[in-house]
Amino acid sequence: ALYIESVAACANSAVARYNACAAEGLEIRAGDYITHVDGAAICAGGAGGLDSKTRVVVGLVRPAQYSIQLARGDQPLGLEITYTAVGTTAYIAGVHNGVVKEQAPQVRPG
C-alpha cells in the first residue's frame, strides 16, 4: 500500500475535486493508504502509472486508532515500527511474536 503523507491544497487536483463532492468521512485524507488502483493491488514504491491516467478507481484504507494496555513483563513487544520518508509519522510495519500479538490480536500492520 502507498501511504498518503499529505493532500495538496491545489483546488484543481483530482483529489480536491473528489473531496469537494465526497460524503462526510469519505474524503481522501493524509494518513490514508492507497491499496488498489483499477482493481490491482499496489505496493509501496510505485504508483502504477497513477499520474498518467485521466480516470482511476482507487481503493483506500484508513487506519484505526485505539489504545491498549499490555502486561509486558520481560517479553518483547514484537512490533516492527517504521517511519515515513519525512519522519512525521510512525506506523506498524509488522507484528511478530511478543506481548502485542498475544494480548492485542487486533493490532495489525498499517
N, C-alpha and C. Protein backbone atom coordinates (compact mmCIF):
# COMPACT_ATOMS: atom_id res chain seq x y z
N ALA A 1 0.84 -1.19 0.00
CA ALA A 1 0.00 0.00 0.00
C ALA A 1 0.88 1.24 0.00
N LEU A 2 0.35 2.31 -0.55
CA LEU A 2 1.05 3.59 -0.55
C LEU A 2 0.45 4.48 0.52
N TYR A 3 1.29 5.04 1.35
CA TYR A 3 0.85 5.93 2.42
C TYR A 3 0.66 7.34 1.86
N ILE A 4 -0.44 7.98 2.17
CA ILE A 4 -0.69 9.35 1.74
C ILE A 4 -0.15 10.28 2.82
N GLU A 5 1.00 10.84 2.55
CA GLU A 5 1.71 11.71 3.51
C GLU A 5 0.99 13.05 3.67
N SER A 6 0.51 13.60 2.56
CA SER A 6 -0.20 14.89 2.62
C SER A 6 -1.13 14.97 1.42
N VAL A 7 -2.11 15.87 1.51
CA VAL A 7 -3.03 16.12 0.42
C VAL A 7 -2.81 17.56 -0.02
N ALA A 8 -2.46 17.75 -1.28
CA ALA A 8 -2.14 19.08 -1.81
C ALA A 8 -3.35 20.00 -1.71
N ALA A 9 -3.08 21.28 -1.50
CA ALA A 9 -4.14 22.28 -1.37
C ALA A 9 -4.63 22.79 -2.72
N CYS A 10 -4.08 22.33 -3.81
CA CYS A 10 -4.45 22.78 -5.16
C CYS A 10 -5.90 22.41 -5.46
N ALA A 11 -6.73 23.43 -5.68
CA ALA A 11 -8.16 23.22 -5.89
C ALA A 11 -8.47 22.47 -7.18
N ASN A 12 -7.54 22.45 -8.12
CA ASN A 12 -7.77 21.78 -9.41
C ASN A 12 -7.30 20.33 -9.43
N SER A 13 -6.75 19.84 -8.32
CA SER A 13 -6.26 18.46 -8.32
C SER A 13 -7.43 17.48 -8.30
N ALA A 14 -7.18 16.28 -8.77
CA ALA A 14 -8.22 15.24 -8.80
C ALA A 14 -8.71 14.94 -7.39
N VAL A 15 -7.81 14.92 -6.43
CA VAL A 15 -8.20 14.64 -5.04
C VAL A 15 -9.07 15.76 -4.49
N ALA A 16 -8.71 17.01 -4.76
CA ALA A 16 -9.52 18.15 -4.28
C ALA A 16 -10.92 18.11 -4.90
N ARG A 17 -11.01 17.78 -6.18
CA ARG A 17 -12.32 17.70 -6.83
C ARG A 17 -13.16 16.56 -6.24
N TYR A 18 -12.51 15.43 -6.00
CA TYR A 18 -13.23 14.32 -5.37
C TYR A 18 -13.69 14.71 -3.97
N ASN A 19 -12.78 15.26 -3.17
CA ASN A 19 -13.11 15.62 -1.79
C ASN A 19 -14.25 16.63 -1.71
N ALA A 20 -14.35 17.52 -2.68
CA ALA A 20 -15.41 18.53 -2.68
C ALA A 20 -16.80 17.89 -2.81
N CYS A 21 -16.87 16.72 -3.42
CA CYS A 21 -18.15 16.04 -3.63
C CYS A 21 -18.36 14.83 -2.72
N ALA A 22 -17.33 14.43 -2.01
CA ALA A 22 -17.40 13.22 -1.20
C ALA A 22 -18.28 13.41 0.03
N ALA A 23 -18.96 12.36 0.42
CA ALA A 23 -19.74 12.39 1.65
C ALA A 23 -18.81 12.58 2.84
N GLU A 24 -19.35 13.16 3.90
CA GLU A 24 -18.53 13.40 5.09
C GLU A 24 -17.95 12.08 5.61
N GLY A 25 -16.67 12.10 5.88
CA GLY A 25 -15.96 10.92 6.35
C GLY A 25 -15.37 10.07 5.24
N LEU A 26 -15.74 10.36 4.00
CA LEU A 26 -15.22 9.58 2.87
C LEU A 26 -14.19 10.36 2.05
N GLU A 27 -13.77 11.51 2.54
CA GLU A 27 -12.74 12.29 1.85
C GLU A 27 -11.41 11.55 1.91
N ILE A 28 -10.56 11.83 0.93
CA ILE A 28 -9.19 11.31 0.96
C ILE A 28 -8.39 12.21 1.87
N ARG A 29 -7.72 11.62 2.86
CA ARG A 29 -7.00 12.39 3.87
C ARG A 29 -5.55 11.93 3.99
N ALA A 30 -4.72 12.84 4.50
CA ALA A 30 -3.36 12.44 4.88
C ALA A 30 -3.51 11.35 5.94
N GLY A 31 -2.69 10.32 5.82
CA GLY A 31 -2.76 9.19 6.74
C GLY A 31 -3.48 7.99 6.17
N ASP A 32 -4.24 8.18 5.09
CA ASP A 32 -4.89 7.06 4.41
C ASP A 32 -3.84 6.28 3.62
N TYR A 33 -4.22 5.09 3.19
CA TYR A 33 -3.36 4.26 2.35
C TYR A 33 -4.09 3.93 1.06
N ILE A 34 -3.39 4.01 -0.07
CA ILE A 34 -3.91 3.54 -1.34
C ILE A 34 -3.54 2.07 -1.45
N THR A 35 -4.55 1.21 -1.57
CA THR A 35 -4.30 -0.23 -1.60
C THR A 35 -4.46 -0.83 -3.00
N HIS A 36 -5.33 -0.20 -3.82
CA HIS A 36 -5.60 -0.73 -5.16
C HIS A 36 -5.79 0.43 -6.14
N VAL A 37 -5.37 0.22 -7.36
CA VAL A 37 -5.66 1.16 -8.45
C VAL A 37 -6.25 0.34 -9.59
N ASP A 38 -7.46 0.69 -9.98
CA ASP A 38 -8.19 -0.05 -11.03
C ASP A 38 -8.22 -1.55 -10.75
N GLY A 39 -8.43 -1.90 -9.48
CA GLY A 39 -8.57 -3.30 -9.09
C GLY A 39 -7.28 -4.05 -8.84
N ALA A 40 -6.14 -3.46 -9.19
CA ALA A 40 -4.85 -4.13 -8.99
C ALA A 40 -4.21 -3.65 -7.69
N ALA A 41 -3.72 -4.59 -6.90
CA ALA A 41 -3.04 -4.24 -5.66
C ALA A 41 -1.81 -3.39 -5.97
N ILE A 42 -1.54 -2.43 -5.10
CA ILE A 42 -0.41 -1.54 -5.31
C ILE A 42 0.53 -1.68 -4.13
N CYS A 43 1.82 -1.69 -4.42
CA CYS A 43 2.83 -1.87 -3.39
C CYS A 43 3.56 -0.56 -3.13
N ALA A 44 4.12 -0.44 -1.92
CA ALA A 44 4.94 0.73 -1.62
C ALA A 44 6.08 0.76 -2.61
N GLY A 45 6.37 1.93 -3.14
CA GLY A 45 7.46 2.07 -4.09
C GLY A 45 7.01 2.39 -5.50
N GLY A 46 5.71 2.31 -5.77
CA GLY A 46 5.26 2.63 -7.12
C GLY A 46 3.79 2.97 -7.15
N ALA A 47 3.45 3.96 -7.94
CA ALA A 47 2.06 4.38 -8.05
C ALA A 47 1.37 3.74 -9.25
N GLY A 48 2.03 2.87 -9.94
CA GLY A 48 1.43 2.12 -11.03
C GLY A 48 0.85 2.98 -12.15
N GLY A 49 1.53 4.06 -12.52
CA GLY A 49 1.06 4.91 -13.60
C GLY A 49 -0.10 5.81 -13.22
N LEU A 50 -0.29 6.03 -11.94
CA LEU A 50 -1.40 6.83 -11.43
C LEU A 50 -1.41 8.24 -12.02
N ASP A 51 -0.24 8.83 -12.21
CA ASP A 51 -0.14 10.18 -12.73
C ASP A 51 -0.56 10.30 -14.19
N SER A 52 -0.45 9.24 -14.98
CA SER A 52 -0.70 9.33 -16.41
C SER A 52 -2.15 9.03 -16.80
N LYS A 53 -2.98 8.60 -15.87
CA LYS A 53 -4.36 8.25 -16.19
C LYS A 53 -5.29 9.43 -15.95
N THR A 54 -6.37 9.49 -16.74
CA THR A 54 -7.34 10.56 -16.55
C THR A 54 -8.47 10.15 -15.62
N ARG A 55 -8.69 8.85 -15.44
CA ARG A 55 -9.73 8.36 -14.54
C ARG A 55 -9.27 7.04 -13.94
N VAL A 56 -9.36 6.91 -12.62
CA VAL A 56 -8.97 5.68 -11.95
C VAL A 56 -9.97 5.36 -10.84
N VAL A 57 -10.03 4.10 -10.50
CA VAL A 57 -10.77 3.66 -9.33
C VAL A 57 -9.71 3.28 -8.29
N VAL A 58 -9.75 3.97 -7.16
CA VAL A 58 -8.71 3.81 -6.14
C VAL A 58 -9.32 3.18 -4.89
N GLY A 59 -8.66 2.15 -4.37
CA GLY A 59 -9.05 1.55 -3.10
C GLY A 59 -8.26 2.20 -1.98
N LEU A 60 -8.95 2.66 -0.95
CA LEU A 60 -8.30 3.33 0.18
C LEU A 60 -8.60 2.60 1.48
N VAL A 61 -7.66 2.69 2.41
CA VAL A 61 -7.85 2.17 3.76
C VAL A 61 -7.46 3.27 4.72
N ARG A 62 -8.28 3.48 5.73
CA ARG A 62 -7.98 4.45 6.79
C ARG A 62 -7.63 3.64 8.03
N PRO A 63 -6.45 3.88 8.59
CA PRO A 63 -6.05 3.09 9.76
C PRO A 63 -6.92 3.38 10.97
N ALA A 64 -7.09 2.37 11.79
CA ALA A 64 -7.83 2.51 13.05
C ALA A 64 -6.89 3.05 14.12
N GLN A 65 -7.46 3.83 15.01
CA GLN A 65 -6.69 4.34 16.15
C GLN A 65 -7.36 3.86 17.42
N TYR A 66 -6.57 3.29 18.32
CA TYR A 66 -7.11 2.81 19.58
C TYR A 66 -5.99 2.73 20.60
N SER A 67 -6.38 2.62 21.86
CA SER A 67 -5.41 2.50 22.95
C SER A 67 -5.51 1.10 23.54
N ILE A 68 -4.37 0.56 23.90
CA ILE A 68 -4.35 -0.76 24.53
C ILE A 68 -3.44 -0.70 25.75
N GLN A 69 -3.68 -1.58 26.70
CA GLN A 69 -2.81 -1.72 27.86
C GLN A 69 -2.26 -3.14 27.83
N LEU A 70 -0.96 -3.24 28.05
CA LEU A 70 -0.28 -4.53 27.98
C LEU A 70 0.44 -4.82 29.29
N ALA A 71 0.48 -6.10 29.66
CA ALA A 71 1.30 -6.54 30.78
C ALA A 71 2.57 -7.13 30.16
N ARG A 72 3.59 -6.30 30.02
CA ARG A 72 4.77 -6.68 29.24
C ARG A 72 5.69 -7.63 29.99
N GLY A 73 5.96 -7.37 31.24
CA GLY A 73 6.95 -8.18 31.95
C GLY A 73 8.29 -8.04 31.27
N ASP A 74 8.98 -9.15 31.04
CA ASP A 74 10.28 -9.09 30.37
C ASP A 74 10.21 -9.57 28.92
N GLN A 75 8.99 -9.65 28.38
CA GLN A 75 8.81 -10.11 27.00
C GLN A 75 8.94 -8.93 26.03
N PRO A 76 9.37 -9.21 24.79
CA PRO A 76 9.42 -8.15 23.78
C PRO A 76 8.01 -7.78 23.33
N LEU A 77 7.84 -6.55 22.84
CA LEU A 77 6.55 -6.14 22.30
C LEU A 77 6.23 -6.90 21.02
N GLY A 78 7.24 -7.12 20.19
CA GLY A 78 7.03 -7.83 18.93
C GLY A 78 6.56 -6.93 17.80
N LEU A 79 6.79 -5.63 17.92
CA LEU A 79 6.37 -4.69 16.89
C LEU A 79 7.54 -4.24 16.04
N GLU A 80 7.31 -4.17 14.75
CA GLU A 80 8.26 -3.59 13.81
C GLU A 80 7.69 -2.22 13.43
N ILE A 81 8.35 -1.15 13.89
CA ILE A 81 7.88 0.22 13.68
C ILE A 81 8.71 0.86 12.57
N THR A 82 8.05 1.52 11.63
CA THR A 82 8.71 2.20 10.52
C THR A 82 8.23 3.65 10.49
N TYR A 83 9.05 4.52 9.92
CA TYR A 83 8.72 5.94 9.82
C TYR A 83 8.58 6.32 8.35
N THR A 84 7.73 7.31 8.08
CA THR A 84 7.57 7.79 6.71
C THR A 84 8.83 8.56 6.30
N ALA A 85 8.93 8.84 5.01
CA ALA A 85 10.14 9.45 4.45
C ALA A 85 10.51 10.77 5.12
N VAL A 86 9.53 11.58 5.46
CA VAL A 86 9.85 12.86 6.10
C VAL A 86 9.84 12.74 7.62
N GLY A 87 9.58 11.56 8.12
CA GLY A 87 9.70 11.30 9.55
C GLY A 87 8.60 11.89 10.41
N THR A 88 7.44 12.21 9.83
CA THR A 88 6.37 12.79 10.63
C THR A 88 5.38 11.76 11.15
N THR A 89 5.46 10.55 10.63
CA THR A 89 4.50 9.52 11.01
C THR A 89 5.22 8.19 11.22
N ALA A 90 4.89 7.55 12.32
CA ALA A 90 5.38 6.20 12.58
C ALA A 90 4.20 5.25 12.38
N TYR A 91 4.48 4.07 11.85
CA TYR A 91 3.41 3.10 11.68
C TYR A 91 3.95 1.69 11.91
N ILE A 92 3.04 0.77 12.16
CA ILE A 92 3.40 -0.61 12.42
C ILE A 92 3.61 -1.32 11.09
N ALA A 93 4.83 -1.75 10.84
CA ALA A 93 5.15 -2.46 9.60
C ALA A 93 4.97 -3.97 9.77
N GLY A 94 5.03 -4.45 11.00
CA GLY A 94 4.86 -5.87 11.24
C GLY A 94 4.57 -6.16 12.69
N VAL A 95 3.81 -7.23 12.93
CA VAL A 95 3.54 -7.71 14.29
C VAL A 95 4.12 -9.11 14.37
N HIS A 96 5.08 -9.27 15.26
CA HIS A 96 5.79 -10.54 15.39
C HIS A 96 5.50 -11.14 16.76
N ASN A 97 6.07 -12.29 17.06
CA ASN A 97 5.85 -12.92 18.35
C ASN A 97 6.23 -11.97 19.48
N GLY A 98 5.34 -11.85 20.46
CA GLY A 98 5.57 -10.97 21.59
C GLY A 98 4.25 -10.62 22.27
N VAL A 99 4.33 -9.68 23.18
CA VAL A 99 3.19 -9.29 24.01
C VAL A 99 2.03 -8.76 23.18
N VAL A 100 2.30 -7.94 22.19
CA VAL A 100 1.21 -7.36 21.40
C VAL A 100 0.44 -8.45 20.67
N LYS A 101 1.11 -9.37 20.05
CA LYS A 101 0.44 -10.45 19.32
C LYS A 101 -0.40 -11.31 20.27
N GLU A 102 0.10 -11.53 21.49
CA GLU A 102 -0.60 -12.37 22.47
C GLU A 102 -1.79 -11.65 23.10
N GLN A 103 -1.60 -10.38 23.48
CA GLN A 103 -2.60 -9.69 24.28
C GLN A 103 -3.48 -8.72 23.49
N ALA A 104 -3.08 -8.37 22.30
CA ALA A 104 -3.85 -7.41 21.49
C ALA A 104 -3.88 -7.87 20.04
N PRO A 105 -4.56 -8.98 19.75
CA PRO A 105 -4.55 -9.52 18.38
C PRO A 105 -5.18 -8.61 17.35
N GLN A 106 -5.90 -7.56 17.79
CA GLN A 106 -6.50 -6.62 16.84
C GLN A 106 -5.46 -5.68 16.24
N VAL A 107 -4.26 -5.61 16.80
CA VAL A 107 -3.21 -4.76 16.27
C VAL A 107 -2.63 -5.43 15.04
N ARG A 108 -2.65 -4.70 13.92
CA ARG A 108 -2.17 -5.22 12.65
C ARG A 108 -1.27 -4.19 11.98
N PRO A 109 -0.47 -4.62 11.02
CA PRO A 109 0.36 -3.65 10.29
C PRO A 109 -0.50 -2.61 9.58
N GLY A 110 0.08 -1.44 9.44
CA GLY A 110 -0.61 -0.37 8.71
C GLY A 110 -0.65 0.92 9.44
